[in-house]
Every structure is written in structure tokens, then in C-alpha cells.
PDB file of N, CA and C in Angstrom:
ATOM      1  N   UNK A   1     -82.998  62.349 179.660  1.00  0.00           N
ATOM      2  CA  UNK A   1     -84.227  61.630 179.408  1.00  0.00           C
ATOM      3  C   UNK A   1     -84.082  60.658 178.240  1.00  0.00           C
ATOM      4  N   UNK A   2     -83.144  60.925 177.358  1.00  0.00           N
ATOM      5  CA  UNK A   2     -82.958  60.059 176.201  1.00  0.00           C
ATOM      6  C   UNK A   2     -82.628  58.630 176.605  1.00  0.00           C
ATOM      7  N   UNK A   3     -82.028  58.441 177.753  1.00  0.00           N
ATOM      8  CA  UNK A   3     -81.614  57.098 178.173  1.00  0.00           C
ATOM      9  C   UNK A   3     -82.724  56.324 178.867  1.00  0.00           C
ATOM     10  N   UNK A   4     -83.882  56.934 179.086  1.00  0.00           N
ATOM     11  CA  UNK A   4     -84.960  56.281 179.834  1.00  0.00           C
ATOM     12  C   UNK A   4     -85.864  55.402 178.980  1.00  0.00           C
ATOM     13  N   UNK A   5     -85.692  55.414 177.715  1.00  0.00           N
ATOM     14  CA  UNK A   5     -86.641  54.659 176.886  1.00  0.00           C
ATOM     15  C   UNK A   5     -85.954  54.013 175.695  1.00  0.00           C
ATOM     16  N   UNK A   6     -86.687  53.100 175.107  1.00  0.00           N
ATOM     17  CA  UNK A   6     -86.228  52.396 173.934  1.00  0.00           C
ATOM     18  C   UNK A   6     -87.368  52.452 172.923  1.00  0.00           C
ATOM     19  N   UNK A   7     -87.237  52.891 171.722  1.00  0.00           N
ATOM     20  CA  UNK A   7     -85.991  53.229 171.035  1.00  0.00           C
ATOM     21  C   UNK A   7     -85.441  54.568 171.525  1.00  0.00           C
ATOM     22  N   UNK A   8     -84.188  54.846 171.200  1.00  0.00           N
ATOM     23  CA  UNK A   8     -83.574  56.107 171.605  1.00  0.00           C
ATOM     24  C   UNK A   8     -84.324  57.309 171.032  1.00  0.00           C
ATOM     25  N   UNK A   9     -84.194  58.418 171.693  1.00  0.00           N
ATOM     26  CA  UNK A   9     -84.879  59.650 171.292  1.00  0.00           C
ATOM     27  C   UNK A   9     -84.606  60.001 169.832  1.00  0.00           C
ATOM     28  N   UNK A  10     -83.397  59.784 169.352  1.00  0.00           N
ATOM     29  CA  UNK A  10     -83.089  60.130 167.957  1.00  0.00           C
ATOM     30  C   UNK A  10     -83.960  59.345 166.992  1.00  0.00           C
ATOM     31  N   UNK A  11     -84.221  58.084 167.306  1.00  0.00           N
ATOM     32  CA  UNK A  11     -85.092  57.276 166.440  1.00  0.00           C
ATOM     33  C   UNK A  11     -86.532  57.782 166.503  1.00  0.00           C
ATOM     34  N   UNK A  12     -86.960  58.179 167.685  1.00  0.00           N
ATOM     35  CA  UNK A  12     -88.318  58.698 167.835  1.00  0.00           C
ATOM     36  C   UNK A  12     -88.486  60.007 167.079  1.00  0.00           C
ATOM     37  N   UNK A  13     -87.522  60.897 167.199  1.00  0.00           N
ATOM     38  CA  UNK A  13     -87.592  62.183 166.505  1.00  0.00           C
ATOM     39  C   UNK A  13     -87.632  61.963 164.999  1.00  0.00           C
ATOM     40  N   UNK A  14     -86.822  61.054 164.508  1.00  0.00           N
ATOM     41  CA  UNK A  14     -86.811  60.756 163.075  1.00  0.00           C
ATOM     42  C   UNK A  14     -88.177  60.261 162.617  1.00  0.00           C
ATOM     43  N   UNK A  15     -88.775  59.367 163.380  1.00  0.00           N
ATOM     44  CA  UNK A  15     -90.100  58.841 163.024  1.00  0.00           C
ATOM     45  C   UNK A  15     -91.152  59.947 163.058  1.00  0.00           C
ATOM     46  N   UNK A  16     -91.104  60.792 164.069  1.00  0.00           N
ATOM     47  CA  UNK A  16     -92.060  61.887 164.166  1.00  0.00           C
ATOM     48  C   UNK A  16     -91.906  62.881 163.024  1.00  0.00           C
ATOM     49  N   UNK A  17     -90.686  63.180 162.669  1.00  0.00           N
ATOM     50  CA  UNK A  17     -90.437  64.161 161.623  1.00  0.00           C
ATOM     51  C   UNK A  17     -90.827  63.647 160.241  1.00  0.00           C
ATOM     52  N   UNK A  18     -90.870  62.354 160.065  1.00  0.00           N
ATOM     53  CA  UNK A  18     -91.206  61.802 158.748  1.00  0.00           C
ATOM     54  C   UNK A  18     -92.696  61.480 158.614  1.00  0.00           C
ATOM     55  N   UNK A  19     -93.466  61.687 159.659  1.00  0.00           N
ATOM     56  CA  UNK A  19     -94.901  61.398 159.642  1.00  0.00           C
ATOM     57  C   UNK A  19     -95.680  62.684 159.412  1.00  0.00           C
ATOM     58  N   UNK A  20     -96.566  62.668 158.437  1.00  0.00           N
ATOM     59  CA  UNK A  20     -97.366  63.846 158.120  1.00  0.00           C
ATOM     60  C   UNK A  20     -98.832  63.447 158.002  1.00  0.00           C
ATOM     61  N   UNK A  21     -99.693  64.305 158.530  1.00  0.00           N
ATOM     62  CA  UNK A  21    -101.136  64.130 158.401  1.00  0.00           C
ATOM     63  C   UNK A  21    -101.724  65.423 157.869  1.00  0.00           C
ATOM     64  N   UNK A  22    -102.656  65.317 156.961  1.00  0.00           N
ATOM     65  CA  UNK A  22    -103.338  66.485 156.444  1.00  0.00           C
ATOM     66  C   UNK A  22    -104.328  66.987 157.491  1.00  0.00           C
ATOM     67  N   UNK A  23    -104.395  68.299 157.714  1.00  0.00           N
ATOM     68  CA  UNK A  23    -105.335  68.821 158.701  1.00  0.00           C
ATOM     69  C   UNK A  23    -106.778  68.375 158.465  1.00  0.00           C
ATOM     70  N   UNK A  24    -107.180  68.305 157.214  1.00  0.00           N
ATOM     71  CA  UNK A  24    -108.547  67.877 156.912  1.00  0.00           C
ATOM     72  C   UNK A  24    -108.831  66.463 157.387  1.00  0.00           C
ATOM     73  N   UNK A  25    -107.845  65.584 157.295  1.00  0.00           N
ATOM     74  CA  UNK A  25    -108.024  64.203 157.760  1.00  0.00           C
ATOM     75  C   UNK A  25    -108.176  64.175 159.275  1.00  0.00           C
ATOM     76  N   UNK A  26    -107.424  65.022 159.969  1.00  0.00           N
ATOM     77  CA  UNK A  26    -107.547  65.073 161.428  1.00  0.00           C
ATOM     78  C   UNK A  26    -108.845  65.739 161.848  1.00  0.00           C
ATOM     79  N   UNK A  27    -109.244  66.776 161.113  1.00  0.00           N
ATOM     80  CA  UNK A  27    -110.523  67.436 161.413  1.00  0.00           C
ATOM     81  C   UNK A  27    -111.678  66.455 161.245  1.00  0.00           C
ATOM     82  N   UNK A  28    -111.574  65.552 160.288  1.00  0.00           N
ATOM     83  CA  UNK A  28    -112.656  64.605 159.995  1.00  0.00           C
ATOM     84  C   UNK A  28    -112.808  63.509 161.055  1.00  0.00           C
ATOM     85  N   UNK A  29    -111.827  63.347 161.915  1.00  0.00           N
ATOM     86  CA  UNK A  29    -111.948  62.331 162.961  1.00  0.00           C
ATOM     87  C   UNK A  29    -113.166  62.647 163.826  1.00  0.00           C
ATOM     88  N   UNK A  30    -114.001  61.652 164.013  1.00  0.00           N
ATOM     89  CA  UNK A  30    -115.304  61.870 164.662  1.00  0.00           C
ATOM     90  C   UNK A  30    -115.227  61.760 166.181  1.00  0.00           C
ATOM     91  N   UNK A  31    -114.305  62.483 166.774  1.00  0.00           N
ATOM     92  CA  UNK A  31    -114.246  62.548 168.232  1.00  0.00           C
ATOM     93  C   UNK A  31    -113.660  63.892 168.642  1.00  0.00           C
ATOM     94  N   UNK A  32    -113.979  64.342 169.838  1.00  0.00           N
ATOM     95  CA  UNK A  32    -113.441  65.626 170.307  1.00  0.00           C
ATOM     96  C   UNK A  32    -111.934  65.541 170.516  1.00  0.00           C
ATOM     97  N   UNK A  33    -111.279  66.654 170.269  1.00  0.00           N
ATOM     98  CA  UNK A  33    -109.825  66.694 170.403  1.00  0.00           C
ATOM     99  C   UNK A  33    -109.443  67.829 171.344  1.00  0.00           C
ATOM    100  N   UNK A  34    -108.496  67.581 172.227  1.00  0.00           N
ATOM    101  CA  UNK A  34    -108.004  68.587 173.157  1.00  0.00           C
ATOM    102  C   UNK A  34    -106.494  68.659 173.057  1.00  0.00           C
ATOM    103  N   UNK A  35    -105.987  69.855 172.914  1.00  0.00           N
ATOM    104  CA  UNK A  35    -104.543  70.085 172.984  1.00  0.00           C
ATOM    105  C   UNK A  35    -104.303  70.966 174.188  1.00  0.00           C
ATOM    106  N   UNK A  36    -103.428  70.527 175.056  1.00  0.00           N
ATOM    107  CA  UNK A  36    -103.078  71.302 176.244  1.00  0.00           C
ATOM    108  C   UNK A  36    -101.676  71.863 176.034  1.00  0.00           C
ATOM    109  N   UNK A  37    -101.558  73.154 176.231  1.00  0.00           N
ATOM    110  CA  UNK A  37    -100.272  73.831 176.091  1.00  0.00           C
ATOM    111  C   UNK A  37    -100.050  74.688 177.315  1.00  0.00           C
ATOM    112  N   UNK A  38     -99.021  75.515 177.275  1.00  0.00           N
ATOM    113  CA  UNK A  38     -98.726  76.358 178.428  1.00  0.00           C
ATOM    114  C   UNK A  38     -98.175  77.703 177.988  1.00  0.00           C
ATOM    115  N   UNK A  39     -98.133  78.620 178.926  1.00  0.00           N
ATOM    116  CA  UNK A  39     -97.736  79.991 178.600  1.00  0.00           C
ATOM    117  C   UNK A  39     -96.251  80.151 178.321  1.00  0.00           C
ATOM    118  N   UNK A  40     -95.429  79.238 178.815  1.00  0.00           N
ATOM    119  CA  UNK A  40     -93.974  79.399 178.659  1.00  0.00           C
ATOM    120  C   UNK A  40     -93.323  78.240 177.902  1.00  0.00           C
ATOM    121  N   UNK A  41     -94.053  77.649 176.969  1.00  0.00           N
ATOM    122  CA  UNK A  41     -93.496  76.555 176.170  1.00  0.00           C
ATOM    123  C   UNK A  41     -92.767  77.168 174.978  1.00  0.00           C
ATOM    124  N   UNK A  42     -91.438  77.134 175.017  1.00  0.00           N
ATOM    125  CA  UNK A  42     -90.651  77.702 173.922  1.00  0.00           C
ATOM    126  C   UNK A  42     -90.596  76.783 172.708  1.00  0.00           C
ATOM    127  N   UNK A  43     -90.816  75.484 172.899  1.00  0.00           N
ATOM    128  CA  UNK A  43     -90.769  74.540 171.790  1.00  0.00           C
ATOM    129  C   UNK A  43     -92.045  74.595 170.953  1.00  0.00           C
ATOM    130  N   UNK A  44     -93.190  74.645 171.625  1.00  0.00           N
ATOM    131  CA  UNK A  44     -94.496  74.757 170.971  1.00  0.00           C
ATOM    132  C   UNK A  44     -95.268  75.899 171.617  1.00  0.00           C
ATOM    133  N   UNK A  45     -94.998  77.136 171.221  1.00  0.00           N
ATOM    134  CA  UNK A  45     -95.674  78.287 171.832  1.00  0.00           C
ATOM    135  C   UNK A  45     -97.194  78.197 171.694  1.00  0.00           C
ATOM    136  N   UNK A  46     -97.894  78.740 172.676  1.00  0.00           N
ATOM    137  CA  UNK A  46     -99.357  78.655 172.707  1.00  0.00           C
ATOM    138  C   UNK A  46     -99.988  79.188 171.422  1.00  0.00           C
ATOM    139  N   UNK A  47     -99.452  80.257 170.864  1.00  0.00           N
ATOM    140  CA  UNK A  47    -100.023  80.811 169.624  1.00  0.00           C
ATOM    141  C   UNK A  47     -99.939  79.797 168.481  1.00  0.00           C
ATOM    142  N   UNK A  48     -98.832  79.088 168.386  1.00  0.00           N
ATOM    143  CA  UNK A  48     -98.661  78.059 167.357  1.00  0.00           C
ATOM    144  C   UNK A  48     -99.618  76.897 167.597  1.00  0.00           C
ATOM    145  N   UNK A  49     -99.763  76.498 168.844  1.00  0.00           N
ATOM    146  CA  UNK A  49    -100.679  75.405 169.183  1.00  0.00           C
ATOM    147  C   UNK A  49    -102.114  75.804 168.854  1.00  0.00           C
ATOM    148  N   UNK A  50    -102.499  77.032 169.184  1.00  0.00           N
ATOM    149  CA  UNK A  50    -103.858  77.493 168.860  1.00  0.00           C
ATOM    150  C   UNK A  50    -104.104  77.457 167.351  1.00  0.00           C
ATOM    151  N   UNK A  51    -103.134  77.906 166.586  1.00  0.00           N
ATOM    152  CA  UNK A  51    -103.276  77.924 165.126  1.00  0.00           C
ATOM    153  C   UNK A  51    -103.443  76.500 164.581  1.00  0.00           C
ATOM    154  N   UNK A  52    -102.588  75.592 165.018  1.00  0.00           N
ATOM    155  CA  UNK A  52    -102.663  74.207 164.542  1.00  0.00           C
ATOM    156  C   UNK A  52    -103.951  73.534 165.004  1.00  0.00           C
ATOM    157  N   UNK A  53    -104.336  73.791 166.235  1.00  0.00           N
ATOM    158  CA  UNK A  53    -105.575  73.195 166.758  1.00  0.00           C
ATOM    159  C   UNK A  53    -106.784  73.693 165.980  1.00  0.00           C
ATOM    160  N   UNK A  54    -106.763  74.962 165.622  1.00  0.00           N
ATOM    161  CA  UNK A  54    -107.864  75.506 164.832  1.00  0.00           C
ATOM    162  C   UNK A  54    -107.999  74.822 163.488  1.00  0.00           C
ATOM    163  N   UNK A  55    -106.888  74.415 162.919  1.00  0.00           N
ATOM    164  CA  UNK A  55    -106.911  73.747 161.608  1.00  0.00           C
ATOM    165  C   UNK A  55    -107.547  72.368 161.671  1.00  0.00           C
ATOM    166  N   UNK A  56    -107.565  71.753 162.846  1.00  0.00           N
ATOM    167  CA  UNK A  56    -108.145  70.406 162.947  1.00  0.00           C
ATOM    168  C   UNK A  56    -109.402  70.379 163.820  1.00  0.00           C
ATOM    169  N   UNK A  57    -109.840  71.547 164.290  1.00  0.00           N
ATOM    170  CA  UNK A  57    -111.049  71.602 165.096  1.00  0.00           C
ATOM    171  C   UNK A  57    -110.854  71.124 166.523  1.00  0.00           C
ATOM    172  N   UNK A  58    -109.674  71.330 167.067  1.00  0.00           N
ATOM    173  CA  UNK A  58    -109.394  70.906 168.439  1.00  0.00           C
ATOM    174  C   UNK A  58    -109.630  72.057 169.409  1.00  0.00           C
ATOM    175  N   UNK A  59    -110.003  71.710 170.613  1.00  0.00           N
ATOM    176  CA  UNK A  59    -110.093  72.653 171.717  1.00  0.00           C
ATOM    177  C   UNK A  59    -108.699  72.838 172.291  1.00  0.00           C
ATOM    178  N   UNK A  60    -108.377  74.039 172.743  1.00  0.00           N
ATOM    179  CA  UNK A  60    -107.068  74.314 173.332  1.00  0.00           C
ATOM    180  C   UNK A  60    -107.256  74.792 174.767  1.00  0.00           C
ATOM    181  N   UNK A  61    -106.453  74.250 175.639  1.00  0.00           N
ATOM    182  CA  UNK A  61    -106.387  74.719 177.021  1.00  0.00           C
ATOM    183  C   UNK A  61    -104.954  75.163 177.285  1.00  0.00           C
ATOM    184  N   UNK A  62    -104.797  76.369 177.829  1.00  0.00           N
ATOM    185  CA  UNK A  62    -103.472  76.916 178.097  1.00  0.00           C
ATOM    186  C   UNK A  62    -103.257  76.978 179.606  1.00  0.00           C
ATOM    187  N   UNK A  63    -102.221  76.317 180.066  1.00  0.00           N
ATOM    188  CA  UNK A  63    -101.892  76.302 181.486  1.00  0.00           C
ATOM    189  C   UNK A  63    -100.890  77.421 181.758  1.00  0.00           C
ATOM    190  N   UNK A  64    -101.232  78.263 182.710  1.00  0.00           N
ATOM    191  CA  UNK A  64    -100.380  79.405 183.048  1.00  0.00           C
ATOM    192  C   UNK A  64     -99.150  78.965 183.831  1.00  0.00           C
ATOM    193  N   UNK A  65     -98.089  79.718 183.643  1.00  0.00           N
ATOM    194  CA  UNK A  65     -96.864  79.552 184.430  1.00  0.00           C
ATOM    195  C   UNK A  65     -96.266  78.154 184.350  1.00  0.00           C
ATOM    196  N   UNK A  66     -96.264  77.586 183.163  1.00  0.00           N
ATOM    197  CA  UNK A  66     -95.626  76.284 182.945  1.00  0.00           C
ATOM    198  C   UNK A  66     -94.859  76.354 181.634  1.00  0.00           C
ATOM    199  N   UNK A  67     -93.904  75.467 181.489  1.00  0.00           N
ATOM    200  CA  UNK A  67     -93.101  75.406 180.285  1.00  0.00           C
ATOM    201  C   UNK A  67     -93.579  74.310 179.358  1.00  0.00           C
ATOM    202  N   UNK A  68     -92.643  73.556 178.807  1.00  0.00           N
ATOM    203  CA  UNK A  68     -92.961  72.543 177.806  1.00  0.00           C
ATOM    204  C   UNK A  68     -93.660  71.312 178.377  1.00  0.00           C
ATOM    205  N   UNK A  69     -93.582  71.093 179.671  1.00  0.00           N
ATOM    206  CA  UNK A  69     -94.161  69.875 180.270  1.00  0.00           C
ATOM    207  C   UNK A  69     -95.150  70.229 181.373  1.00  0.00           C
ATOM    208  N   UNK A  70     -96.270  70.852 181.020  1.00  0.00           N
ATOM    209  CA  UNK A  70     -97.202  71.268 182.074  1.00  0.00           C
ATOM    210  C   UNK A  70     -97.797  70.098 182.852  1.00  0.00           C
ATOM    211  N   UNK A  71     -97.888  68.930 182.250  1.00  0.00           N
ATOM    212  CA  UNK A  71     -98.392  67.747 182.957  1.00  0.00           C
ATOM    213  C   UNK A  71     -97.476  67.379 184.115  1.00  0.00           C
ATOM    214  N   UNK A  72     -96.198  67.742 183.998  1.00  0.00           N
ATOM    215  CA  UNK A  72     -95.206  67.449 185.030  1.00  0.00           C
ATOM    216  C   UNK A  72     -95.013  68.655 185.954  1.00  0.00           C
ATOM    217  N   UNK A  73     -95.006  69.845 185.348  1.00  0.00           N
ATOM    218  CA  UNK A  73     -94.744  71.067 186.098  1.00  0.00           C
ATOM    219  C   UNK A  73     -95.937  71.532 186.923  1.00  0.00           C
ATOM    220  N   UNK A  74     -97.140  71.353 186.383  1.00  0.00           N
ATOM    221  CA  UNK A  74     -98.368  71.778 187.066  1.00  0.00           C
ATOM    222  C   UNK A  74     -99.428  70.700 186.903  1.00  0.00           C
ATOM    223  N   UNK A  75     -99.200  69.527 187.504  1.00  0.00           N
ATOM    224  CA  UNK A  75    -100.108  68.391 187.284  1.00  0.00           C
ATOM    225  C   UNK A  75    -101.554  68.662 187.693  1.00  0.00           C
ATOM    226  N   UNK A  76    -101.787  69.422 188.738  1.00  0.00           N
ATOM    227  CA  UNK A  76    -103.168  69.712 189.130  1.00  0.00           C
ATOM    228  C   UNK A  76    -103.874  70.541 188.062  1.00  0.00           C
ATOM    229  N   UNK A  77    -103.182  71.524 187.504  1.00  0.00           N
ATOM    230  CA  UNK A  77    -103.771  72.339 186.440  1.00  0.00           C
ATOM    231  C   UNK A  77    -104.021  71.502 185.195  1.00  0.00           C
ATOM    232  N   UNK A  78    -103.084  70.600 184.887  1.00  0.00           N
ATOM    233  CA  UNK A  78    -103.236  69.699 183.735  1.00  0.00           C
ATOM    234  C   UNK A  78    -104.476  68.823 183.923  1.00  0.00           C
ATOM    235  N   UNK A  79    -104.580  68.217 185.086  1.00  0.00           N
ATOM    236  CA  UNK A  79    -105.724  67.344 185.366  1.00  0.00           C
ATOM    237  C   UNK A  79    -107.029  68.134 185.335  1.00  0.00           C
ATOM    238  N   UNK A  80    -107.024  69.359 185.871  1.00  0.00           N
ATOM    239  CA  UNK A  80    -108.224  70.190 185.836  1.00  0.00           C
ATOM    240  C   UNK A  80    -108.639  70.502 184.399  1.00  0.00           C
ATOM    241  N   UNK A  81    -107.671  70.814 183.543  1.00  0.00           N
ATOM    242  CA  UNK A  81    -107.973  71.114 182.136  1.00  0.00           C
ATOM    243  C   UNK A  81    -108.558  69.895 181.439  1.00  0.00           C
ATOM    244  N   UNK A  82    -107.964  68.747 181.683  1.00  0.00           N
ATOM    245  CA  UNK A  82    -108.458  67.517 181.068  1.00  0.00           C
ATOM    246  C   UNK A  82    -109.859  67.175 181.574  1.00  0.00           C
ATOM    247  N   UNK A  83    -110.066  67.267 182.874  1.00  0.00           N
ATOM    248  CA  UNK A  83    -111.373  66.957 183.442  1.00  0.00           C
ATOM    249  C   UNK A  83    -112.440  67.920 182.920  1.00  0.00           C
ATOM    250  N   UNK A  84    -112.116  69.198 182.842  1.00  0.00           N
ATOM    251  CA  UNK A  84    -113.076  70.178 182.323  1.00  0.00           C
ATOM    252  C   UNK A  84    -113.466  69.838 180.890  1.00  0.00           C
ATOM    253  N   UNK A  85    -112.501  69.426 180.081  1.00  0.00           N
ATOM    254  CA  UNK A  85    -112.790  69.046 178.696  1.00  0.00           C
ATOM    255  C   UNK A  85    -113.674  67.807 178.649  1.00  0.00           C
ATOM    256  N   UNK A  86    -113.310  66.796 179.413  1.00  0.00           N
ATOM    257  CA  UNK A  86    -114.111  65.560 179.433  1.00  0.00           C
ATOM    258  C   UNK A  86    -115.530  65.857 179.881  1.00  0.00           C
ATOM    259  N   UNK A  87    -115.685  66.739 180.843  1.00  0.00           N
ATOM    260  CA  UNK A  87    -117.036  67.070 181.317  1.00  0.00           C
ATOM    261  C   UNK A  87    -117.849  67.827 180.283  1.00  0.00           C
ATOM    262  N   UNK A  88    -117.196  68.551 179.368  1.00  0.00           N
ATOM    263  CA  UNK A  88    -117.941  69.212 178.304  1.00  0.00           C
ATOM    264  C   UNK A  88    -118.366  68.205 177.241  1.00  0.00           C
ATOM    265  N   UNK A  89    -117.558  67.163 177.077  1.00  0.00           N
ATOM    266  CA  UNK A  89    -117.849  66.140 176.074  1.00  0.00           C
ATOM    267  C   UNK A  89    -118.841  65.121 176.638  1.00  0.00           C
ATOM    268  N   UNK A  90    -118.640  64.768 177.871  1.00  0.00           N
ATOM    269  CA  UNK A  90    -119.505  63.817 178.585  1.00  0.00           C
ATOM    270  C   UNK A  90    -120.016  64.529 179.833  1.00  0.00           C
ATOM    271  N   UNK A  91    -121.089  65.291 179.731  1.00  0.00           N
ATOM    272  CA  UNK A  91    -121.522  66.160 180.825  1.00  0.00           C
ATOM    273  C   UNK A  91    -121.717  65.460 182.169  1.00  0.00           C
ATOM    274  N   UNK A  92    -121.919  64.146 182.178  1.00  0.00           N
ATOM    275  CA  UNK A  92    -122.149  63.458 183.441  1.00  0.00           C
ATOM    276  C   UNK A  92    -120.878  62.818 183.990  1.00  0.00           C
ATOM    277  N   UNK A  93    -119.733  63.056 183.355  1.00  0.00           N
ATOM    278  CA  UNK A  93    -118.466  62.486 183.816  1.00  0.00           C
ATOM    279  C   UNK A  93    -117.981  63.236 185.050  1.00  0.00           C
ATOM    280  N   UNK A  94    -117.451  62.499 185.984  1.00  0.00           N
ATOM    281  CA  UNK A  94    -116.864  63.115 187.178  1.00  0.00           C
ATOM    282  C   UNK A  94    -115.554  62.489 187.510  1.00  0.00           C
TER     283      UNK A  94
END
């Protein structure tokens, strides 16, 4: 996958690792936040995602039987989680 994009993955990882945001600043953002994770994500386990999401006031949706890429592995479940969240934020959204 590293060859599919520009800049190379190493440059992206470096940029991500050097960027820090205080949880309070993210919590203060005046819009709803959703983090979608999965039951078999070894890189970002659901428990870790729940803890981090709690620090910024985000809603968490956990997709069962998926790994690190639930949007790819279980796209229908991913879309259902996103739609359910949007409908709670915008009750008339379909």
C-alpha cells in the first residue's frame, strides 16, 4: 500500500507522529465526533479507542469481526454505523 500514494507512507507516519493535539482542544470543537473501531484491530484496540474518545467527548461505534480496516472489511457495517450516528445528530437525515 505504501506505493499507492504520494507522499510515501514514511513521510506520512513522520508527520502524524509529530502532530499533537490536547484532548481539551478536541473536546471543545463544537461538532459531534464519531470514532469507528472494530473488535479485532490490533493496531488500535477498541478499549484504547474508547478511552481516547472519552477524553474528547466522541461517540464510539465498534464493528464486530473486523480488523484494522472495517470500512474495507465490513463496508455495510461501517456505513450502518456512520448512518446511525448521522441520524442521531440530524434526526431527519436518511
